[in-house]
Amino acid sequence: MKTQTTVLEKITTLPLNFVLPILAFAIPLFISGPQWLTGTVVNTLLFLVVSQNLGRKNWLSVAILPSLAAVSHGLLFGKFTPFLLYFLPFIWIGNLLLMFTFFKLNKFLPLTISVIFSSLIKSFWLYLFASMYFQLKLVPAVFLTSMGIFQLITAIFGGIIALKIKTVFVKDSL
């Protein structure tokens, strides 16, 4: 008589409200450049936290943790990373503006339009402070690009990716 043994492993799933904040902190540590890649992945998380209806308490952690990780790791902006400290509160507010705007707009506008408008608001907000800091000679000119057009592009791409993730993996949402 032949004996066969089958081992069934228990699959553990973690809730998104636990996973997304951890990813938000870990991504800048493991993907420490280029900015377009790191920014796109972080913005994807920002849109996902809103579209998954994970609650506003989770918004704050996902909005704040990526920039804290980037500063602590020190690689995303290279020798310019210390200047990132000047931007931290504005990055946090910009991320929250993106999330709140998307949350409000997607109730009555098409999702892609909501992504574009919320991305424009975030990038305009960050560019405004980058421009003021540059005029005051607090930061180098590289921040005009990194806090302007790069923010817009990475936010739009992040939003598009988040929408694709939602349509592929979560059929009954948004």
Protein backbone atom coordinates (compact mmCIF):
# COMPACT_ATOMS: atom_id res chain seq x y z
CA MET A 1 0.00 0.00 0.00
CA LYS A 2 1.34 3.43 -1.02
CA THR A 3 1.05 6.27 1.50
CA GLN A 4 0.72 9.87 0.42
CA THR A 5 1.10 12.81 2.76
CA THR A 6 -0.44 16.16 1.95
CA VAL A 7 0.50 19.25 3.88
CA LEU A 8 -1.92 22.12 3.73
CA GLU A 9 -0.45 25.46 4.64
CA LYS A 10 -2.56 28.11 6.21
CA ILE A 11 -2.56 31.23 4.07
CA THR A 12 -2.53 34.38 6.11
CA THR A 13 -3.79 37.58 4.61
CA LEU A 14 -3.04 40.93 6.09
CA PRO A 15 -5.53 43.78 5.92
CA LEU A 16 -4.68 46.66 3.61
CA ASN A 17 -4.91 49.17 6.44
CA PHE A 18 -1.91 47.33 7.92
CA VAL A 19 0.01 46.66 4.69
CA LEU A 20 -0.26 50.04 2.94
CA PRO A 21 1.36 52.13 5.72
CA ILE A 22 4.21 49.61 5.95
CA LEU A 23 4.69 49.76 2.19
CA ALA A 24 4.54 53.56 2.32
CA PHE A 25 7.53 53.58 4.66
CA ALA A 26 9.42 50.71 3.00
CA ILE A 27 9.20 51.81 -0.62
CA PRO A 28 11.56 54.80 -0.35
CA LEU A 29 14.01 52.56 1.51
CA PHE A 30 14.03 49.81 -1.11
CA ILE A 31 13.34 51.88 -4.23
CA SER A 32 15.59 54.81 -3.51
CA GLY A 33 15.55 56.32 -6.95
CA PRO A 34 14.97 57.48 -9.54
CA GLN A 35 12.33 59.92 -8.33
CA TRP A 36 9.89 59.05 -11.10
CA LEU A 37 9.81 55.42 -9.97
CA THR A 38 9.67 56.01 -6.22
CA GLY A 39 7.18 58.85 -6.62
CA THR A 40 4.90 56.84 -8.88
CA VAL A 41 4.79 53.91 -6.46
CA VAL A 42 4.16 56.18 -3.45
CA ASN A 43 1.42 58.06 -5.30
CA THR A 44 -0.16 54.74 -6.24
CA LEU A 45 -0.40 53.98 -2.52
CA LEU A 46 -1.94 57.39 -1.83
CA PHE A 47 -4.69 56.75 -4.37
CA LEU A 48 -5.20 53.16 -3.19
CA VAL A 49 -5.68 54.16 0.44
CA VAL A 50 -8.49 56.48 -0.62
CA SER A 51 -10.11 54.18 -3.16
CA GLN A 52 -10.10 51.26 -0.70
CA ASN A 53 -12.05 53.35 1.83
CA LEU A 54 -9.55 52.51 4.56
CA GLY A 55 -10.47 55.50 6.69
CA ARG A 56 -8.83 58.84 7.16
CA LYS A 57 -6.61 57.68 10.03
CA ASN A 58 -4.78 55.56 7.45
CA TRP A 59 -4.48 58.55 5.13
CA LEU A 60 -2.19 60.30 7.56
CA SER A 61 0.28 57.45 7.91
CA VAL A 62 0.48 56.83 4.16
CA ALA A 63 0.82 60.58 3.52
CA ILE A 64 3.66 61.08 6.03
CA LEU A 65 5.73 57.88 6.15
CA PRO A 66 7.24 57.91 2.63
CA SER A 67 8.94 61.28 3.05
CA LEU A 68 10.22 60.35 6.51
CA ALA A 69 11.75 57.20 5.03
CA ALA A 70 13.27 59.17 2.15
CA VAL A 71 14.91 61.63 4.54
CA SER A 72 16.15 58.93 6.89
CA HIS A 73 17.55 56.89 4.02
CA GLY A 74 19.09 59.95 2.34
CA LEU A 75 19.34 58.59 -1.19
CA LEU A 76 16.32 59.83 -3.13
CA PHE A 77 17.69 63.34 -3.59
CA GLY A 78 21.35 62.47 -3.05
CA LYS A 79 23.34 65.42 -1.81
CA PHE A 80 20.16 67.50 -1.84
CA THR A 81 18.34 65.32 0.73
CA PRO A 82 18.95 67.76 3.63
CA PHE A 83 16.93 70.35 1.68
CA LEU A 84 14.03 67.90 1.71
CA LEU A 85 13.60 68.69 5.41
CA TYR A 86 12.30 72.14 4.43
CA PHE A 87 9.58 70.50 2.40
CA LEU A 88 8.33 67.80 4.78
CA PRO A 89 5.23 69.59 6.10
CA PHE A 90 4.32 70.75 2.60
CA ILE A 91 4.80 67.26 1.16
CA TRP A 92 2.54 65.85 3.86
CA ILE A 93 -0.11 68.47 3.18
CA GLY A 94 0.31 67.95 -0.58
CA ASN A 95 -0.25 64.22 -0.19
CA LEU A 96 -3.32 64.85 1.94
CA LEU A 97 -4.60 67.41 -0.59
CA LEU A 98 -4.23 64.80 -3.34
CA MET A 99 -6.09 62.21 -1.28
CA PHE A 100 -8.87 64.53 -0.13
CA THR A 101 -9.39 66.01 -3.60
CA PHE A 102 -9.55 62.57 -5.18
CA PHE A 103 -11.95 61.41 -2.46
CA LYS A 104 -14.32 64.33 -3.11
CA LEU A 105 -14.05 64.50 -6.91
CA ASN A 106 -14.46 60.81 -7.70
CA LYS A 107 -18.00 61.00 -6.31
CA PHE A 108 -19.19 63.08 -9.27
CA LEU A 109 -16.42 63.12 -11.90
CA PRO A 110 -14.90 60.31 -13.94
CA LEU A 111 -12.02 58.65 -12.11
CA THR A 112 -9.35 59.72 -14.61
CA ILE A 113 -10.47 63.36 -14.35
CA SER A 114 -10.38 63.06 -10.55
CA VAL A 115 -6.83 61.70 -10.75
CA ILE A 116 -5.70 64.54 -13.02
CA PHE A 117 -7.28 67.32 -10.93
CA SER A 118 -6.01 65.97 -7.63
CA SER A 119 -2.53 65.53 -9.16
CA LEU A 120 -2.58 69.11 -10.43
CA ILE A 121 -3.51 70.42 -6.99
CA LYS A 122 -0.73 68.46 -5.27
CA SER A 123 1.93 69.47 -7.80
CA PHE A 124 0.85 73.13 -7.80
CA TRP A 125 0.97 73.18 -4.00
CA LEU A 126 4.50 71.74 -3.90
CA TYR A 127 5.75 73.89 -6.77
CA LEU A 128 4.46 77.01 -5.01
CA PHE A 129 6.64 76.32 -1.97
CA ALA A 130 9.61 75.18 -4.05
CA SER A 131 9.39 78.44 -5.97
CA MET A 132 9.21 80.51 -2.77
CA TYR A 133 12.13 78.63 -1.23
CA PHE A 134 14.15 79.05 -4.41
CA GLN A 135 13.42 82.79 -4.52
CA LEU A 136 14.57 83.03 -0.91
CA LYS A 137 17.71 81.08 -1.89
CA LEU A 138 16.92 78.30 0.59
CA VAL A 139 16.97 75.49 -1.98
CA PRO A 140 18.70 74.88 -5.31
CA ALA A 141 16.88 75.06 -8.64
CA VAL A 142 16.63 71.26 -8.89
CA PHE A 143 13.69 71.45 -6.50
CA LEU A 144 11.65 73.50 -8.98
CA THR A 145 11.55 70.46 -11.26
CA SER A 146 11.35 67.78 -8.57
CA MET A 147 8.51 69.56 -6.76
CA GLY A 148 6.75 70.65 -9.95
CA ILE A 149 6.52 68.63 -13.13
CA PHE A 150 7.92 65.44 -11.56
CA GLN A 151 5.23 65.59 -8.89
CA LEU A 152 2.55 66.04 -11.51
CA ILE A 153 3.78 63.16 -13.67
CA THR A 154 4.32 60.73 -10.80
CA ALA A 155 0.93 61.57 -9.28
CA ILE A 156 -0.92 61.03 -12.57
CA PHE A 157 0.92 57.77 -13.27
CA GLY A 158 0.36 56.65 -9.67
CA GLY A 159 -3.34 57.36 -10.02
CA ILE A 160 -3.59 55.47 -13.30
CA ILE A 161 -1.78 52.47 -11.81
CA ALA A 162 -4.04 52.54 -8.75
CA LEU A 163 -7.11 52.54 -11.00
CA LYS A 164 -5.71 49.59 -12.96
CA ILE A 165 -4.98 47.71 -9.74
CA LYS A 166 -8.53 48.35 -8.61
CA THR A 167 -10.06 47.09 -11.85
CA VAL A 168 -7.90 43.96 -11.95
CA PHE A 169 -7.90 42.93 -8.30
CA VAL A 170 -10.98 44.49 -6.78
CA LYS A 171 -13.96 44.12 -9.07
CA ASP A 172 -16.68 45.69 -6.94
CA SER A 173 -15.07 48.94 -5.81
CA LEU A 174 -14.97 52.54 -6.93
